[in-house]
Amino acid sequence: MKIKVLIVDDSALIRSVMKEIINSQPDMEVVGVAPDPIVARDLIKQTNPDVLTLDVEMPRMDGLDFLEKLMRLRPMPVVMVSSLTERGSEITLRALELGAVDFVTKPKMSIQSGMLEYTEMIADKIRAASKARIKPRQITPADSNKAGEGVLPLIRNPLTSSEKLIIIGASTGGTEAIKDFLMQMPSDCPGILITQHMPPGFTKSFAQRLDNLCKIDVKESEGGERVLPGHAYLAPGHSHLQLVRSGANYMTQIDQGPPVNRHRPSVDVLFHSAAVHAGKNAVGVILTGMGKDGALGMLEMKNAGAYNFAQDEASCVVFGMPREAIAVGATHEVGSLNSLPGMVLGYLATHGSRALRV
C-alpha cells in the first residue's frame, strides 16, 4: 500500500518538483496538489492523504492558521516546507509546536536542481511522518516567560559533583521532546549537551526559543565553551558537537567533519566524545527520531560507564533511534517523555562524586 501524499504550496515549480520526487519513490504517490489551503481543504476530504506537505508561507490563508485548524479538526502527519530564512525558521518552529512532524527547507539557489538533490531526505521524512504518532499538544505561547512552574528539584546528595553531564540526542519530533525535557530542568542541573538533527539556520532560533522558555540557559554552541551547570549547549546545524576536556574542565568543540549516519550534526559523534572524555560522569538520553544515529555511540557510553535512558515507544513521535539503542543493549532505563526528566534527576541525586573519578 503506497503512502498517499498531498502537496500544498503556492509555487508551481515547488509543486512540480515535489511531485516528481515523491512519485519517483516506489512506496509513495502524490494524490493531489493544491496552491493554497482553501483548495487543500477540499482535496483532503476527497483524497484522504496519509501525509501532507505544507508550505509555511501561503496566500489566502496563513500556513500556521491552516495547520492549527487541521491539527484541531483532522489531525494528520504534516511535513512543513520552509524557506531558509530567520522568519522561515521562526514559523517552522511554531509549526512544530502546533503538531507538524518535521520539515524540509527550500534551497536558496537553483530551486529545481536543489530540491532534486534532496530526494532521499524528503522521501525519508515522508516515510517517517506516515508512521508518526499524531496527538494533541499543549501549545506554549510564543511570548512565554522563563519557566518557573513544573521545574523539578535536583534533590541534593552531599556527594553530588558538578562533573556529571547530561548528553541528549534526538531527531524527528525532537524539537518538542527536547523542549519538554529541558523545561523541567532546575537551574542547578548538570551541564547539558544536545544534538538535534536540524539544518543550518534553524538551530540558533531553536536555542533562543528554548532559552526563553527554560529555567536553565540554552545556547547554540560556538565551540570552546566551558560546560557549566545550569547551561545547555545545542549543536549548530552545520557542525558536529563534541565534548572534550581541558585540564579539569569539560569544554565544547564543534567541527565540520563528514556526515555520520548521513547527519551533521550527528548524535553518534556527540555520544562517542562523551564516552571518551566523560565516561561514568555522563548520563545519556536518546529521544524520538527516525533512523539509528546514536545507538552505537550510546553503547560506547554504556561500556565506558555512563548511565543511559531512552524514550519509550508510546511517547515518541517516531520510535526509531530509541528502538535501535535499546536493541543493541545501550540503555539502562526506558521511560515516557513526561517521566524521563524525573528519572534522570533521580539518578543524578543518588550518584555522587565517589563514583565520578576519572
Protein backbone atom coordinates (compact mmCIF):
# COMPACT_ATOMS: atom_id res chain seq x y z
CA MET A 1 0.00 0.00 0.00
CA LYS A 2 1.60 3.27 -1.10
CA ILE A 3 1.84 6.33 1.15
CA LYS A 4 -0.63 8.89 -0.18
CA VAL A 5 0.78 12.43 -0.18
CA LEU A 6 -0.96 15.75 -0.73
CA ILE A 7 1.29 18.70 -1.68
CA VAL A 8 0.26 22.21 -0.63
CA ASP A 9 2.48 25.00 -1.95
CA ASP A 10 1.84 28.31 -3.72
CA SER A 11 4.87 27.79 -6.02
CA ALA A 12 4.05 25.86 -9.20
CA LEU A 13 7.75 24.95 -9.50
CA ILE A 14 7.96 23.54 -5.98
CA ARG A 15 4.71 21.61 -6.51
CA SER A 16 6.12 20.13 -9.71
CA VAL A 17 9.49 19.20 -8.21
CA MET A 18 7.95 17.74 -5.05
CA LYS A 19 5.54 15.70 -7.15
CA GLU A 20 8.43 14.37 -9.23
CA ILE A 21 10.44 13.45 -6.13
CA ILE A 22 7.56 11.72 -4.38
CA ASN A 23 6.27 9.83 -7.41
CA SER A 24 9.81 8.56 -8.10
CA GLN A 25 9.63 6.53 -4.88
CA PRO A 26 8.17 3.02 -5.17
CA ASP A 27 6.30 3.23 -1.86
CA MET A 28 4.56 6.62 -2.18
CA GLU A 29 2.38 8.60 -4.57
CA VAL A 30 1.02 12.12 -4.88
CA VAL A 31 -2.78 12.05 -4.69
CA GLY A 32 -3.22 15.80 -5.15
CA VAL A 33 -1.58 19.21 -5.33
CA ALA A 34 -3.00 22.48 -4.04
CA PRO A 35 -1.81 26.09 -4.46
CA ASP A 36 -3.29 27.20 -1.14
CA PRO A 37 -5.02 25.89 2.00
CA ILE A 38 -8.51 26.62 0.68
CA VAL A 39 -8.06 24.21 -2.22
CA ALA A 40 -6.20 21.80 0.09
CA ARG A 41 -9.16 21.62 2.46
CA ASP A 42 -11.37 20.13 -0.26
CA LEU A 43 -8.63 17.81 -1.54
CA ILE A 44 -8.08 16.38 1.94
CA LYS A 45 -11.72 15.32 2.03
CA GLN A 46 -11.52 13.87 -1.49
CA THR A 47 -8.18 12.04 -1.30
CA ASN A 48 -7.76 11.18 2.40
CA PRO A 49 -3.94 11.53 2.28
CA ASP A 50 -1.56 9.81 4.70
CA VAL A 51 0.87 12.76 4.75
CA LEU A 52 0.55 16.45 3.89
CA THR A 53 3.48 18.61 2.76
CA LEU A 54 2.72 22.22 3.58
CA ASP A 55 4.46 25.46 2.66
CA VAL A 56 4.84 27.65 5.74
CA GLU A 57 4.04 30.91 3.94
CA MET A 58 0.91 30.75 1.77
CA PRO A 59 -1.68 33.06 0.19
CA ARG A 60 -5.39 33.23 1.12
CA MET A 61 -4.75 31.53 4.49
CA ASP A 62 -1.57 31.60 6.56
CA GLY A 63 0.12 28.20 6.74
CA LEU A 64 0.17 28.28 10.56
CA ASP A 65 -3.53 29.14 10.76
CA PHE A 66 -4.30 26.26 8.42
CA LEU A 67 -2.07 23.87 10.38
CA GLU A 68 -3.68 24.85 13.69
CA LYS A 69 -7.17 24.22 12.31
CA LEU A 70 -6.09 20.98 10.67
CA MET A 71 -4.50 19.57 13.85
CA ARG A 72 -7.59 20.50 15.84
CA LEU A 73 -10.21 19.22 13.41
CA ARG A 74 -8.45 16.45 11.48
CA PRO A 75 -5.03 15.60 12.97
CA MET A 76 -2.69 14.09 10.39
CA PRO A 77 1.06 13.88 9.68
CA VAL A 78 2.37 17.15 8.22
CA VAL A 79 5.85 17.88 6.84
CA MET A 80 6.47 21.61 6.51
CA VAL A 81 8.37 23.06 3.54
CA SER A 82 10.27 26.09 4.84
CA SER A 83 12.36 28.88 3.39
CA LEU A 84 15.88 29.09 4.81
CA THR A 85 15.42 32.49 6.45
CA GLU A 86 15.17 33.78 10.01
CA ARG A 87 11.45 34.34 9.52
CA GLY A 88 11.14 30.89 7.94
CA SER A 89 12.86 29.26 10.91
CA GLU A 90 10.61 31.03 13.42
CA ILE A 91 7.48 29.99 11.53
CA THR A 92 8.74 26.43 11.19
CA LEU A 93 9.48 26.10 14.91
CA ARG A 94 5.99 27.35 15.65
CA ALA A 95 4.61 24.79 13.19
CA LEU A 96 6.42 22.01 15.07
CA GLU A 97 4.82 23.28 18.28
CA LEU A 98 1.44 23.12 16.59
CA GLY A 99 1.95 19.47 15.67
CA ALA A 100 3.87 19.25 12.39
CA VAL A 101 6.04 16.12 12.39
CA ASP A 102 9.07 17.51 10.56
CA PHE A 103 10.22 20.00 7.93
CA VAL A 104 12.40 20.35 4.85
CA THR A 105 13.95 23.55 3.57
CA LYS A 106 13.80 25.05 0.11
CA PRO A 107 17.28 25.57 -1.36
CA LYS A 108 18.38 29.17 -1.84
CA MET A 109 19.80 28.75 -5.32
CA SER A 110 18.61 26.77 -8.33
CA ILE A 111 15.40 25.57 -6.74
CA GLN A 112 14.72 22.69 -9.10
CA SER A 113 18.17 21.07 -9.03
CA GLY A 114 18.47 21.79 -5.31
CA MET A 115 15.22 20.06 -4.47
CA LEU A 116 16.13 17.07 -6.62
CA GLU A 117 19.32 16.66 -4.58
CA TYR A 118 17.10 16.42 -1.53
CA THR A 119 15.14 13.44 -2.91
CA GLU A 120 16.38 10.89 -0.40
CA MET A 121 15.93 13.20 2.58
CA ILE A 122 12.42 14.25 1.56
CA ALA A 123 11.39 10.64 0.96
CA ASP A 124 12.77 9.59 4.36
CA LYS A 125 10.90 12.37 6.13
CA ILE A 126 7.62 11.46 4.42
CA ARG A 127 8.09 7.79 5.35
CA ALA A 128 8.78 8.73 8.96
CA ALA A 129 5.79 11.08 9.02
CA SER A 130 3.48 8.35 7.70
CA LYS A 131 4.35 6.25 10.78
CA ALA A 132 4.32 9.10 13.28
CA ARG A 133 2.05 9.20 16.29
CA ILE A 134 -0.06 12.32 15.96
CA LYS A 135 -1.50 13.58 19.22
CA PRO A 136 -2.81 16.89 20.53
CA ARG A 137 -0.14 19.05 22.12
CA GLN A 138 -0.32 21.69 24.80
CA ILE A 139 0.72 24.79 22.88
CA THR A 140 3.21 27.11 24.54
CA PRO A 141 2.59 30.78 23.69
CA ALA A 142 5.40 32.28 21.66
CA ASP A 143 5.86 35.06 24.22
CA SER A 144 6.08 32.82 27.30
CA ASN A 145 8.38 33.97 30.07
CA LYS A 146 11.11 31.86 31.60
CA ALA A 147 9.77 28.66 33.07
CA GLY A 148 9.17 28.53 36.78
CA GLU A 149 6.30 26.13 37.09
CA GLY A 150 6.81 22.43 36.52
CA VAL A 151 10.56 22.58 37.16
CA LEU A 152 11.79 19.54 39.08
CA PRO A 153 14.13 19.92 42.06
CA LEU A 154 17.57 18.35 41.90
CA ILE A 155 17.49 16.56 45.25
CA ARG A 156 20.97 17.26 46.51
CA ASN A 157 23.20 14.48 47.77
CA PRO A 158 26.21 15.70 49.76
CA LEU A 159 28.38 13.74 47.34
CA THR A 160 26.87 15.18 44.18
CA SER A 161 29.53 16.53 41.85
CA SER A 162 29.35 19.22 39.19
CA GLU A 163 31.33 16.85 36.97
CA LYS A 164 28.16 14.98 35.97
CA LEU A 165 26.84 15.78 32.47
CA ILE A 166 23.61 15.08 30.59
CA ILE A 167 24.10 14.17 26.92
CA ILE A 168 20.99 14.24 24.68
CA GLY A 169 20.32 13.09 21.12
CA ALA A 170 17.12 13.42 19.08
CA SER A 171 15.72 13.70 15.55
CA THR A 172 12.14 13.61 14.21
CA GLY A 173 9.82 15.03 16.87
CA GLY A 174 12.83 16.03 18.90
CA THR A 175 12.32 19.80 19.00
CA GLU A 176 9.22 19.42 21.17
CA ALA A 177 10.66 16.50 23.15
CA ILE A 178 13.82 18.47 23.98
CA LYS A 179 11.72 21.47 24.96
CA ASP A 180 9.54 19.36 27.26
CA PHE A 181 12.62 17.76 28.83
CA LEU A 182 14.58 20.98 29.38
CA MET A 183 11.61 22.89 30.79
CA GLN A 184 11.70 20.52 33.78
CA MET A 185 15.40 21.02 34.44
CA PRO A 186 16.27 23.09 37.55
CA SER A 187 18.78 25.92 37.33
CA ASP A 188 21.38 23.85 39.24
CA CYS A 189 21.22 20.80 36.95
CA PRO A 190 24.43 19.44 35.40
CA GLY A 191 25.66 20.86 32.13
CA ILE A 192 23.78 19.52 29.09
CA LEU A 193 24.99 18.88 25.54
CA ILE A 194 22.40 18.29 22.80
CA THR A 195 22.47 17.13 19.21
CA GLN A 196 19.18 17.51 17.34
CA HIS A 197 19.10 16.81 13.60
CA MET A 198 18.44 20.27 12.15
CA PRO A 199 19.78 22.20 9.17
CA PRO A 200 21.89 25.37 9.45
CA GLY A 201 19.87 28.49 10.14
CA PHE A 202 17.37 26.80 12.45
CA THR A 203 19.42 25.78 15.49
CA LYS A 204 20.10 29.35 16.63
CA SER A 205 16.38 30.20 16.61
CA PHE A 206 15.62 26.89 18.34
CA ALA A 207 18.18 27.58 21.08
CA GLN A 208 16.85 31.11 21.61
CA ARG A 209 13.32 29.78 21.92
CA LEU A 210 14.42 27.19 24.48
CA ASP A 211 16.35 29.84 26.41
CA ASN A 212 13.18 31.95 26.67
CA LEU A 213 11.13 29.01 27.91
CA CYS A 214 13.51 27.23 30.30
CA LYS A 215 14.89 27.95 33.74
CA ILE A 216 18.35 26.96 32.53
CA ASP A 217 20.40 28.92 29.99
CA VAL A 218 20.33 27.45 26.48
CA LYS A 219 22.53 28.49 23.57
CA GLU A 220 23.70 27.30 20.19
CA SER A 221 27.24 26.08 20.78
CA GLU A 222 30.04 28.14 19.26
CA GLY A 223 32.74 25.70 20.36
CA GLY A 224 35.33 26.38 23.04
CA GLU A 225 32.77 26.98 25.80
CA ARG A 226 33.35 25.64 29.29
CA VAL A 227 30.43 23.34 30.11
CA LEU A 228 28.72 24.82 33.16
CA PRO A 229 25.91 23.58 35.42
CA GLY A 230 22.55 25.08 34.57
CA HIS A 231 23.55 25.54 30.92
CA ALA A 232 22.66 23.61 27.77
CA TYR A 233 24.67 23.70 24.54
CA LEU A 234 22.96 22.81 21.25
CA ALA A 235 24.89 21.52 18.23
CA PRO A 236 24.78 24.09 15.40
CA GLY A 237 23.08 22.86 12.24
CA HIS A 238 26.29 22.99 10.23
CA SER A 239 28.66 21.15 12.60
CA HIS A 240 29.14 18.15 14.86
CA LEU A 241 29.19 18.93 18.58
CA GLN A 242 31.73 17.11 20.74
CA LEU A 243 32.70 17.06 24.38
CA VAL A 244 36.41 17.45 25.20
CA ARG A 245 38.44 18.03 28.35
CA SER A 246 40.86 20.82 29.09
CA GLY A 247 42.54 20.11 32.40
CA ALA A 248 39.79 19.78 34.99
CA ASN A 249 37.17 21.40 32.76
CA TYR A 250 34.75 19.99 30.23
CA MET A 251 34.63 22.02 27.02
CA THR A 252 32.58 22.05 23.82
CA GLN A 253 34.13 21.53 20.42
CA ILE A 254 32.48 21.86 17.00
CA ASP A 255 33.78 20.68 13.65
CA GLN A 256 32.57 20.24 10.11
CA GLY A 257 33.81 16.72 9.59
CA PRO A 258 31.99 14.39 7.18
CA PRO A 259 28.36 13.47 7.97
CA VAL A 260 27.96 10.37 10.15
CA ASN A 261 24.90 8.20 9.53
CA ARG A 262 24.11 10.81 6.84
CA HIS A 263 23.86 13.51 9.52
CA ARG A 264 25.87 16.56 10.52
CA PRO A 265 25.41 17.18 13.39
CA SER A 266 25.40 13.51 14.35
CA VAL A 267 24.26 12.07 17.67
CA ASP A 268 26.84 9.27 17.41
CA VAL A 269 29.65 11.84 17.21
CA LEU A 270 28.46 13.55 20.41
CA PHE A 271 27.88 10.27 22.26
CA HIS A 272 31.28 8.91 21.20
CA SER A 273 33.01 12.02 22.57
CA ALA A 274 31.09 11.68 25.85
CA ALA A 275 32.22 8.05 26.13
CA VAL A 276 35.85 9.02 25.59
CA HIS A 277 36.03 12.15 27.73
CA ALA A 278 33.30 11.79 30.39
CA GLY A 279 32.88 8.03 30.87
CA LYS A 280 30.97 7.32 34.09
CA ASN A 281 30.33 11.05 34.59
CA ALA A 282 27.87 11.08 31.66
CA VAL A 283 24.16 10.38 31.63
CA GLY A 284 22.88 9.64 28.12
CA VAL A 285 19.35 10.39 26.91
CA ILE A 286 18.06 9.32 23.49
CA LEU A 287 14.75 10.76 22.39
CA THR A 288 12.31 10.40 19.48
CA GLY A 289 13.76 10.21 15.98
CA MET A 290 13.97 8.17 12.81
CA GLY A 291 16.96 6.04 11.92
CA LYS A 292 19.74 4.63 14.07
CA ASP A 293 22.02 7.62 14.72
CA GLY A 294 23.14 7.49 18.35
CA ALA A 295 22.66 3.77 19.04
CA LEU A 296 26.30 2.71 18.73
CA GLY A 297 27.56 5.90 20.36
CA MET A 298 25.27 5.28 23.32
CA LEU A 299 26.59 1.71 23.57
CA GLU A 300 30.11 3.16 23.75
CA MET A 301 28.91 5.44 26.55
CA LYS A 302 27.48 2.46 28.45
CA ASN A 303 30.69 0.48 28.02
CA ALA A 304 32.61 3.48 29.35
CA GLY A 305 30.46 3.56 32.50
CA ALA A 306 27.73 6.06 31.57
CA TYR A 307 24.12 5.51 32.63
CA ASN A 308 21.63 5.77 29.76
CA PHE A 309 17.93 6.46 29.30
CA ALA A 310 15.66 6.06 26.25
CA GLN A 311 12.24 7.49 25.49
CA ASP A 312 9.54 4.82 25.29
CA GLU A 313 7.60 3.95 22.14
CA ALA A 314 4.24 5.26 23.35
CA SER A 315 5.51 8.83 23.84
CA CYS A 316 7.76 9.02 20.76
CA VAL A 317 6.65 10.69 17.56
CA VAL A 318 8.92 8.19 15.75
CA PHE A 319 10.34 5.26 17.74
CA GLY A 320 13.42 4.77 15.57
CA MET A 321 16.52 5.99 17.38
CA PRO A 322 15.40 4.83 20.86
CA ARG A 323 14.42 1.42 19.46
CA GLU A 324 17.86 0.98 17.89
CA ALA A 325 19.63 1.98 21.10
CA ILE A 326 17.52 -0.43 23.14
CA ALA A 327 18.08 -3.21 20.57
CA VAL A 328 21.88 -3.02 20.83
CA GLY A 329 21.73 -3.05 24.63
CA ALA A 330 22.87 0.56 25.08
CA THR A 331 20.23 1.65 27.60
CA HIS A 332 19.64 1.06 31.29
CA GLU A 333 16.13 2.50 31.66
CA VAL A 334 13.23 3.35 29.36
CA GLY A 335 10.53 5.87 30.23
CA SER A 336 7.89 8.19 28.86
CA LEU A 337 8.83 11.72 27.87
CA ASN A 338 6.95 13.06 30.90
CA SER A 339 8.82 10.80 33.32
CA LEU A 340 12.35 10.97 31.85
CA PRO A 341 13.40 14.29 33.46
CA GLY A 342 12.49 12.96 36.91
CA MET A 343 14.23 9.65 36.22
CA VAL A 344 17.41 11.41 35.12
CA LEU A 345 17.45 13.82 38.07
CA GLY A 346 16.63 10.98 40.46
CA TYR A 347 19.64 9.04 39.20
CA LEU A 348 21.88 12.11 39.46
CA ALA A 349 20.72 12.83 43.01
CA THR A 350 21.82 9.39 44.20
CA HIS A 351 25.18 9.15 42.44
CA GLY A 352 27.85 11.37 43.90
CA SER A 353 31.46 12.25 43.45
CA ARG A 354 32.79 8.95 44.78
CA ALA A 355 31.56 7.41 41.54
CA LEU A 356 32.85 10.22 39.39
CA ARG A 357 36.60 9.82 39.49
CA VAL A 358 38.19 9.60 36.05
